[in-house]
Amino acid sequence: MAEQNTEQTIRVRQVTDVQVSWTEHGRGEYGSFTVQLILDNGVEEYVLQPTAEDTKVQIELFKASKVVYFDLDRKVLIPNDIPLGR
């Protein structure tokens, strides 16, 4: 029972997989992006709906970071260990 209560109180999870998708809304119209976050190997999932520009930034963060976390309460991506190149 204590383990179950601990699982329910964890609100920051590691992003273990990412699926980026684009959906067409109509011929000649703008589409929309979704970024599906798989958290802690499938314990939870969360779908972001960023703008095209934000999607580019998020993809670069995922590529540059060794580990990314997601705060479920505040809806914040937390990249870790980003190399600071010059």
PDB file of N, CA and C in Angstrom:
ATOM      1  N   MET A   1       0.817  -1.193   0.000  1.00  0.00           N
ATOM      2  CA  MET A   1       0.000   0.000   0.000  1.00  0.00           C
ATOM      3  C   MET A   1       0.863   1.260   0.000  1.00  0.00           C
ATOM      4  N   ALA A   2       1.952   1.273   0.773  1.00  0.00           N
ATOM      5  CA  ALA A   2       2.832   2.438   0.829  1.00  0.00           C
ATOM      6  C   ALA A   2       3.461   2.710  -0.527  1.00  0.00           C
ATOM      7  N   GLU A   3       3.824   1.639  -1.247  1.00  0.00           N
ATOM      8  CA  GLU A   3       4.416   1.805  -2.582  1.00  0.00           C
ATOM      9  C   GLU A   3       3.414   2.442  -3.538  1.00  0.00           C
ATOM     10  N   GLN A   4       2.163   2.054  -3.462  1.00  0.00           N
ATOM     11  CA  GLN A   4       1.121   2.625  -4.319  1.00  0.00           C
ATOM     12  C   GLN A   4       0.941   4.114  -4.012  1.00  0.00           C
ATOM     13  N   ASN A   5       0.961   4.503  -2.739  1.00  0.00           N
ATOM     14  CA  ASN A   5       0.837   5.909  -2.372  1.00  0.00           C
ATOM     15  C   ASN A   5       2.019   6.713  -2.882  1.00  0.00           C
ATOM     16  N   THR A   6       3.219   6.140  -2.830  1.00  0.00           N
ATOM     17  CA  THR A   6       4.410   6.810  -3.340  1.00  0.00           C
ATOM     18  C   THR A   6       4.282   7.036  -4.835  1.00  0.00           C
ATOM     19  N   GLU A   7       3.829   6.042  -5.592  1.00  0.00           N
ATOM     20  CA  GLU A   7       3.641   6.168  -7.038  1.00  0.00           C
ATOM     21  C   GLU A   7       2.684   7.305  -7.362  1.00  0.00           C
ATOM     22  N   GLN A   8       1.643   7.471  -6.577  1.00  0.00           N
ATOM     23  CA  GLN A   8       0.650   8.499  -6.856  1.00  0.00           C
ATOM     24  C   GLN A   8       1.147   9.900  -6.522  1.00  0.00           C
ATOM     25  N   THR A   9       2.168  10.024  -5.668  1.00  0.00           N
ATOM     26  CA  THR A   9       2.680  11.336  -5.303  1.00  0.00           C
ATOM     27  C   THR A   9       3.828  11.784  -6.198  1.00  0.00           C
ATOM     28  N   ILE A  10       4.401  10.908  -6.995  1.00  0.00           N
ATOM     29  CA  ILE A  10       5.466  11.298  -7.909  1.00  0.00           C
ATOM     30  C   ILE A  10       4.855  12.103  -9.041  1.00  0.00           C
ATOM     31  N   ARG A  11       5.267  13.331  -9.186  1.00  0.00           N
ATOM     32  CA  ARG A  11       4.691  14.202 -10.196  1.00  0.00           C
ATOM     33  C   ARG A  11       5.708  14.629 -11.252  1.00  0.00           C
ATOM     34  N   VAL A  12       6.983  14.304 -11.063  1.00  0.00           N
ATOM     35  CA  VAL A  12       8.009  14.567 -12.072  1.00  0.00           C
ATOM     36  C   VAL A  12       8.490  13.213 -12.557  1.00  0.00           C
ATOM     37  N   ARG A  13       8.389  13.001 -13.866  1.00  0.00           N
ATOM     38  CA  ARG A  13       8.747  11.701 -14.435  1.00  0.00           C
ATOM     39  C   ARG A  13       9.759  11.884 -15.549  1.00  0.00           C
ATOM     40  N   GLN A  14      10.552  10.850 -15.762  1.00  0.00           N
ATOM     41  CA  GLN A  14      11.536  10.867 -16.836  1.00  0.00           C
ATOM     42  C   GLN A  14      10.855  10.577 -18.172  1.00  0.00           C
ATOM     43  N   VAL A  15      11.204  11.375 -19.174  1.00  0.00           N
ATOM     44  CA  VAL A  15      10.715  11.129 -20.529  1.00  0.00           C
ATOM     45  C   VAL A  15      11.583  10.015 -21.108  1.00  0.00           C
ATOM     46  N   THR A  16      10.980   8.867 -21.380  1.00  0.00           N
ATOM     47  CA  THR A  16      11.751   7.724 -21.888  1.00  0.00           C
ATOM     48  C   THR A  16      11.548   7.493 -23.378  1.00  0.00           C
ATOM     49  N   ASP A  17      10.558   8.140 -23.972  1.00  0.00           N
ATOM     50  CA  ASP A  17      10.368   8.058 -25.420  1.00  0.00           C
ATOM     51  C   ASP A  17       9.519   9.243 -25.852  1.00  0.00           C
ATOM     52  N   VAL A  18       9.685   9.640 -27.112  1.00  0.00           N
ATOM     53  CA  VAL A  18       8.960  10.784 -27.661  1.00  0.00           C
ATOM     54  C   VAL A  18       8.458  10.402 -29.044  1.00  0.00           C
ATOM     55  N   GLN A  19       7.215  10.756 -29.341  1.00  0.00           N
ATOM     56  CA  GLN A  19       6.644  10.541 -30.670  1.00  0.00           C
ATOM     57  C   GLN A  19       6.099  11.876 -31.158  1.00  0.00           C
ATOM     58  N   VAL A  20       6.705  12.404 -32.244  1.00  0.00           N
ATOM     59  CA  VAL A  20       6.244  13.667 -32.819  1.00  0.00           C
ATOM     60  C   VAL A  20       5.386  13.356 -34.039  1.00  0.00           C
ATOM     61  N   SER A  21       4.208  13.982 -34.105  1.00  0.00           N
ATOM     62  CA  SER A  21       3.290  13.756 -35.222  1.00  0.00           C
ATOM     63  C   SER A  21       2.810  15.091 -35.762  1.00  0.00           C
ATOM     64  N   TRP A  22       2.443  15.086 -37.041  1.00  0.00           N
ATOM     65  CA  TRP A  22       1.838  16.254 -37.685  1.00  0.00           C
ATOM     66  C   TRP A  22       0.534  15.809 -38.303  1.00  0.00           C
ATOM     67  N   THR A  23      -0.513  16.605 -38.128  1.00  0.00           N
ATOM     68  CA  THR A  23      -1.835  16.273 -38.651  1.00  0.00           C
ATOM     69  C   THR A  23      -2.291  17.343 -39.624  1.00  0.00           C
ATOM     70  N   GLU A  24      -2.725  16.906 -40.801  1.00  0.00           N
ATOM     71  CA  GLU A  24      -3.276  17.823 -41.788  1.00  0.00           C
ATOM     72  C   GLU A  24      -4.713  18.155 -41.405  1.00  0.00           C
ATOM     73  N   HIS A  25      -5.069  19.445 -41.480  1.00  0.00           N
ATOM     74  CA  HIS A  25      -6.442  19.845 -41.158  1.00  0.00           C
ATOM     75  C   HIS A  25      -7.305  19.973 -42.396  1.00  0.00           C
ATOM     76  N   GLY A  26      -6.686  20.147 -43.522  1.00  0.00           N
ATOM     77  CA  GLY A  26      -7.417  20.260 -44.782  1.00  0.00           C
ATOM     78  C   GLY A  26      -6.436  20.629 -45.879  1.00  0.00           C
ATOM     79  N   ARG A  27      -6.772  20.320 -47.091  1.00  0.00           N
ATOM     80  CA  ARG A  27      -5.896  20.627 -48.220  1.00  0.00           C
ATOM     81  C   ARG A  27      -5.580  22.118 -48.256  1.00  0.00           C
ATOM     82  N   GLY A  28      -4.285  22.425 -48.267  1.00  0.00           N
ATOM     83  CA  GLY A  28      -3.846  23.812 -48.340  1.00  0.00           C
ATOM     84  C   GLY A  28      -3.934  24.580 -47.037  1.00  0.00           C
ATOM     85  N   GLU A  29      -4.380  23.945 -45.969  1.00  0.00           N
ATOM     86  CA  GLU A  29      -4.480  24.604 -44.664  1.00  0.00           C
ATOM     87  C   GLU A  29      -3.286  24.227 -43.795  1.00  0.00           C
ATOM     88  N   TYR A  30      -3.069  25.013 -42.775  1.00  0.00           N
ATOM     89  CA  TYR A  30      -2.026  24.692 -41.820  1.00  0.00           C
ATOM     90  C   TYR A  30      -2.410  23.427 -41.053  1.00  0.00           C
ATOM     91  N   GLY A  31      -1.406  22.666 -40.660  1.00  0.00           N
ATOM     92  CA  GLY A  31      -1.636  21.492 -39.836  1.00  0.00           C
ATOM     93  C   GLY A  31      -1.251  21.791 -38.400  1.00  0.00           C
ATOM     94  N   SER A  32      -1.226  20.748 -37.584  1.00  0.00           N
ATOM     95  CA  SER A  32      -0.820  20.930 -36.189  1.00  0.00           C
ATOM     96  C   SER A  32       0.096  19.786 -35.758  1.00  0.00           C
ATOM     97  N   PHE A  33       0.986  20.112 -34.831  1.00  0.00           N
ATOM     98  CA  PHE A  33       1.907  19.135 -34.285  1.00  0.00           C
ATOM     99  C   PHE A  33       1.412  18.641 -32.938  1.00  0.00           C
ATOM    100  N   THR A  34       1.706  17.389 -32.637  1.00  0.00           N
ATOM    101  CA  THR A  34       1.549  16.847 -31.296  1.00  0.00           C
ATOM    102  C   THR A  34       2.853  16.155 -30.930  1.00  0.00           C
ATOM    103  N   VAL A  35       3.224  16.271 -29.671  1.00  0.00           N
ATOM    104  CA  VAL A  35       4.415  15.610 -29.148  1.00  0.00           C
ATOM    105  C   VAL A  35       3.951  14.727 -28.004  1.00  0.00           C
ATOM    106  N   GLN A  36       3.986  13.414 -28.230  1.00  0.00           N
ATOM    107  CA  GLN A  36       3.562  12.464 -27.198  1.00  0.00           C
ATOM    108  C   GLN A  36       4.779  12.085 -26.369  1.00  0.00           C
ATOM    109  N   LEU A  37       4.679  12.325 -25.070  1.00  0.00           N
ATOM    110  CA  LEU A  37       5.745  11.974 -24.137  1.00  0.00           C
ATOM    111  C   LEU A  37       5.392  10.657 -23.468  1.00  0.00           C
ATOM    112  N   ILE A  38       6.288   9.691 -23.564  1.00  0.00           N
ATOM    113  CA  ILE A  38       6.153   8.439 -22.825  1.00  0.00           C
ATOM    114  C   ILE A  38       6.997   8.625 -21.570  1.00  0.00           C
ATOM    115  N   LEU A  39       6.366   8.500 -20.423  1.00  0.00           N
ATOM    116  CA  LEU A  39       7.027   8.800 -19.154  1.00  0.00           C
ATOM    117  C   LEU A  39       7.289   7.524 -18.369  1.00  0.00           C
ATOM    118  N   ASP A  40       8.527   7.409 -17.866  1.00  0.00           N
ATOM    119  CA  ASP A  40       8.933   6.256 -17.054  1.00  0.00           C
ATOM    120  C   ASP A  40       8.551   4.931 -17.704  1.00  0.00           C
ATOM    121  N   ASN A  41       8.948   4.775 -18.969  1.00  0.00           N
ATOM    122  CA  ASN A  41       8.724   3.527 -19.726  1.00  0.00           C
ATOM    123  C   ASN A  41       7.261   3.120 -19.789  1.00  0.00           C
ATOM    124  N   GLY A  42       6.377   4.095 -19.934  1.00  0.00           N
ATOM    125  CA  GLY A  42       4.967   3.781 -20.116  1.00  0.00           C
ATOM    126  C   GLY A  42       4.101   3.879 -18.883  1.00  0.00           C
ATOM    127  N   VAL A  43       4.667   4.284 -17.747  1.00  0.00           N
ATOM    128  CA  VAL A  43       3.853   4.443 -16.544  1.00  0.00           C
ATOM    129  C   VAL A  43       2.767   5.490 -16.788  1.00  0.00           C
ATOM    130  N   GLU A  44       3.139   6.558 -17.513  1.00  0.00           N
ATOM    131  CA  GLU A  44       2.181   7.599 -17.886  1.00  0.00           C
ATOM    132  C   GLU A  44       2.532   8.102 -19.267  1.00  0.00           C
ATOM    133  N   GLU A  45       1.596   8.787 -19.878  1.00  0.00           N
ATOM    134  CA  GLU A  45       1.817   9.463 -21.151  1.00  0.00           C
ATOM    135  C   GLU A  45       1.220  10.856 -21.041  1.00  0.00           C
ATOM    136  N   TYR A  46       1.792  11.772 -21.820  1.00  0.00           N
ATOM    137  CA  TYR A  46       1.251  13.122 -21.863  1.00  0.00           C
ATOM    138  C   TYR A  46       1.423  13.643 -23.278  1.00  0.00           C
ATOM    139  N   VAL A  47       0.445  14.357 -23.790  1.00  0.00           N
ATOM    140  CA  VAL A  47       0.517  14.884 -25.149  1.00  0.00           C
ATOM    141  C   VAL A  47       0.584  16.406 -25.103  1.00  0.00           C
ATOM    142  N   LEU A  48       1.642  16.938 -25.722  1.00  0.00           N
ATOM    143  CA  LEU A  48       1.801  18.381 -25.878  1.00  0.00           C
ATOM    144  C   LEU A  48       1.267  18.775 -27.251  1.00  0.00           C
ATOM    145  N   GLN A  49       0.784  20.001 -27.387  1.00  0.00           N
ATOM    146  CA  GLN A  49       0.310  20.513 -28.669  1.00  0.00           C
ATOM    147  C   GLN A  49       1.005  21.843 -28.959  1.00  0.00           C
ATOM    148  N   PRO A  50       2.309  21.777 -29.252  1.00  0.00           N
ATOM    149  CA  PRO A  50       3.085  23.004 -29.449  1.00  0.00           C
ATOM    150  C   PRO A  50       2.877  23.606 -30.838  1.00  0.00           C
ATOM    151  N   THR A  51       3.270  24.873 -30.962  1.00  0.00           N
ATOM    152  CA  THR A  51       3.317  25.506 -32.273  1.00  0.00           C
ATOM    153  C   THR A  51       4.444  24.861 -33.074  1.00  0.00           C
ATOM    154  N   ALA A  52       4.495  25.146 -34.372  1.00  0.00           N
ATOM    155  CA  ALA A  52       5.563  24.590 -35.206  1.00  0.00           C
ATOM    156  C   ALA A  52       6.936  25.035 -34.691  1.00  0.00           C
ATOM    157  N   GLU A  53       7.055  26.307 -34.320  1.00  0.00           N
ATOM    158  CA  GLU A  53       8.339  26.827 -33.820  1.00  0.00           C
ATOM    159  C   GLU A  53       8.727  26.157 -32.497  1.00  0.00           C
ATOM    160  N   ASP A  54       7.782  26.014 -31.588  1.00  0.00           N
ATOM    161  CA  ASP A  54       8.062  25.340 -30.314  1.00  0.00           C
ATOM    162  C   ASP A  54       8.415  23.872 -30.528  1.00  0.00           C
ATOM    163  N   THR A  55       7.803  23.234 -31.518  1.00  0.00           N
ATOM    164  CA  THR A  55       8.135  21.838 -31.823  1.00  0.00           C
ATOM    165  C   THR A  55       9.596  21.715 -32.214  1.00  0.00           C
ATOM    166  N   LYS A  56      10.089  22.644 -33.045  1.00  0.00           N
ATOM    167  CA  LYS A  56      11.506  22.637 -33.433  1.00  0.00           C
ATOM    168  C   LYS A  56      12.409  22.741 -32.214  1.00  0.00           C
ATOM    169  N   VAL A  57      12.082  23.656 -31.312  1.00  0.00           N
ATOM    170  CA  VAL A  57      12.880  23.853 -30.103  1.00  0.00           C
ATOM    171  C   VAL A  57      12.850  22.601 -29.230  1.00  0.00           C
ATOM    172  N   GLN A  58      11.677  22.004 -29.062  1.00  0.00           N
ATOM    173  CA  GLN A  58      11.565  20.799 -28.241  1.00  0.00           C
ATOM    174  C   GLN A  58      12.388  19.653 -28.826  1.00  0.00           C
ATOM    175  N   ILE A  59      12.343  19.476 -30.134  1.00  0.00           N
ATOM    176  CA  ILE A  59      13.124  18.413 -30.770  1.00  0.00           C
ATOM    177  C   ILE A  59      14.610  18.629 -30.512  1.00  0.00           C
ATOM    178  N   GLU A  60      15.077  19.868 -30.620  1.00  0.00           N
ATOM    179  CA  GLU A  60      16.490  20.160 -30.353  1.00  0.00           C
ATOM    180  C   GLU A  60      16.849  19.892 -28.896  1.00  0.00           C
ATOM    181  N   LEU A  61      15.940  20.219 -27.977  1.00  0.00           N
ATOM    182  CA  LEU A  61      16.185  19.918 -26.556  1.00  0.00           C
ATOM    183  C   LEU A  61      16.312  18.419 -26.327  1.00  0.00           C
ATOM    184  N   PHE A  62      15.441  17.642 -26.942  1.00  0.00           N
ATOM    185  CA  PHE A  62      15.503  16.184 -26.781  1.00  0.00           C
ATOM    186  C   PHE A  62      16.801  15.627 -27.359  1.00  0.00           C
ATOM    187  N   LYS A  63      17.231  16.160 -28.503  1.00  0.00           N
ATOM    188  CA  LYS A  63      18.458  15.671 -29.138  1.00  0.00           C
ATOM    189  C   LYS A  63      19.696  16.051 -28.326  1.00  0.00           C
ATOM    190  N   ALA A  64      19.688  17.238 -27.716  1.00  0.00           N
ATOM    191  CA  ALA A  64      20.868  17.732 -27.000  1.00  0.00           C
ATOM    192  C   ALA A  64      20.981  17.195 -25.576  1.00  0.00           C
ATOM    193  N   SER A  65      19.876  16.793 -24.984  1.00  0.00           N
ATOM    194  CA  SER A  65      19.858  16.380 -23.577  1.00  0.00           C
ATOM    195  C   SER A  65      20.083  14.886 -23.434  1.00  0.00           C
ATOM    196  N   LYS A  66      20.829  14.537 -22.408  1.00  0.00           N
ATOM    197  CA  LYS A  66      20.994  13.113 -22.107  1.00  0.00           C
ATOM    198  C   LYS A  66      19.730  12.567 -21.449  1.00  0.00           C
ATOM    199  N   VAL A  67      19.104  13.388 -20.611  1.00  0.00           N
ATOM    200  CA  VAL A  67      17.894  12.984 -19.893  1.00  0.00           C
ATOM    201  C   VAL A  67      16.943  14.181 -19.871  1.00  0.00           C
ATOM    202  N   VAL A  68      15.656  13.909 -20.062  1.00  0.00           N
ATOM    203  CA  VAL A  68      14.631  14.954 -19.957  1.00  0.00           C
ATOM    204  C   VAL A  68      13.566  14.458 -18.981  1.00  0.00           C
ATOM    205  N   TYR A  69      13.127  15.367 -18.118  1.00  0.00           N
ATOM    206  CA  TYR A  69      12.054  15.071 -17.180  1.00  0.00           C
ATOM    207  C   TYR A  69      10.849  15.928 -17.547  1.00  0.00           C
ATOM    208  N   PHE A  70       9.668  15.525 -17.078  1.00  0.00           N
ATOM    209  CA  PHE A  70       8.457  16.302 -17.301  1.00  0.00           C
ATOM    210  C   PHE A  70       7.714  16.428 -15.986  1.00  0.00           C
ATOM    211  N   ASP A  71       7.431  17.660 -15.598  1.00  0.00           N
ATOM    212  CA  ASP A  71       6.675  17.948 -14.383  1.00  0.00           C
ATOM    213  C   ASP A  71       5.196  17.954 -14.751  1.00  0.00           C
ATOM    214  N   LEU A  72       4.478  16.951 -14.292  1.00  0.00           N
ATOM    215  CA  LEU A  72       3.062  16.781 -14.640  1.00  0.00           C
ATOM    216  C   LEU A  72       2.169  17.879 -14.067  1.00  0.00           C
ATOM    217  N   ASP A  73       2.514  18.414 -12.911  1.00  0.00           N
ATOM    218  CA  ASP A  73       1.675  19.441 -12.299  1.00  0.00           C
ATOM    219  C   ASP A  73       1.840  20.792 -12.993  1.00  0.00           C
ATOM    220  N   ARG A  74       3.083  21.159 -13.268  1.00  0.00           N
ATOM    221  CA  ARG A  74       3.350  22.475 -13.867  1.00  0.00           C
ATOM    222  C   ARG A  74       3.472  22.440 -15.385  1.00  0.00           C
ATOM    223  N   LYS A  75       3.449  21.224 -15.976  1.00  0.00           N
ATOM    224  CA  LYS A  75       3.550  21.051 -17.437  1.00  0.00           C
ATOM    225  C   LYS A  75       4.850  21.658 -17.964  1.00  0.00           C
ATOM    226  N   VAL A  76       5.969  21.258 -17.342  1.00  0.00           N
ATOM    227  CA  VAL A  76       7.283  21.805 -17.682  1.00  0.00           C
ATOM    228  C   VAL A  76       8.209  20.689 -18.129  1.00  0.00           C
ATOM    229  N   LEU A  77       8.857  20.874 -19.294  1.00  0.00           N
ATOM    230  CA  LEU A  77       9.931  19.974 -19.718  1.00  0.00           C
ATOM    231  C   LEU A  77      11.209  20.413 -19.027  1.00  0.00           C
ATOM    232  N   ILE A  78      11.953  19.457 -18.481  1.00  0.00           N
ATOM    233  CA  ILE A  78      13.168  19.771 -17.737  1.00  0.00           C
ATOM    234  C   ILE A  78      14.325  18.992 -18.357  1.00  0.00           C
ATOM    235  N   PRO A  79      15.053  19.603 -19.304  1.00  0.00           N
ATOM    236  CA  PRO A  79      16.204  18.914 -19.894  1.00  0.00           C
ATOM    237  C   PRO A  79      17.370  18.917 -18.917  1.00  0.00           C
ATOM    238  N   ASN A  80      18.186  17.868 -18.984  1.00  0.00           N
ATOM    239  CA  ASN A  80      19.318  17.707 -18.070  1.00  0.00           C
ATOM    240  C   ASN A  80      20.568  17.421 -18.893  1.00  0.00           C
ATOM    241  N   ASP A  81      21.689  17.889 -18.434  1.00  0.00           N
ATOM    242  CA  ASP A  81      22.992  17.614 -19.045  1.00  0.00           C
ATOM    243  C   ASP A  81      23.089  18.091 -20.486  1.00  0.00           C
ATOM    244  N   ILE A  82      22.672  19.326 -20.742  1.00  0.00           N
ATOM    245  CA  ILE A  82      22.820  19.884 -22.086  1.00  0.00           C
ATOM    246  C   ILE A  82      24.248  20.406 -22.217  1.00  0.00           C
ATOM    247  N   PRO A  83      24.985  19.916 -23.225  1.00  0.00           N
ATOM    248  CA  PRO A  83      26.345  20.423 -23.401  1.00  0.00           C
ATOM    249  C   PRO A  83      26.297  21.881 -23.863  1.00  0.00           C
ATOM    250  N   LEU A  84      27.106  22.717 -23.232  1.00  0.00           N
ATOM    251  CA  LEU A  84      27.152  24.133 -23.582  1.00  0.00           C
ATOM    252  C   LEU A  84      28.338  24.354 -24.509  1.00  0.00           C
ATOM    253  N   GLY A  85      28.108  24.285 -25.805  1.00  0.00           N
ATOM    254  CA  GLY A  85      29.156  24.482 -26.790  1.00  0.00           C
ATOM    255  C   GLY A  85      29.310  25.943 -27.159  1.00  0.00           C
ATOM    256  N   ARG A  86      30.458  26.243 -27.696  1.00  0.00           N
ATOM    257  CA  ARG A  86      30.716  27.628 -28.123  1.00  0.00           C
ATOM    258  C   ARG A  86      30.933  27.668 -29.598  1.00  0.00           C
TER     259      ARG A  86
END
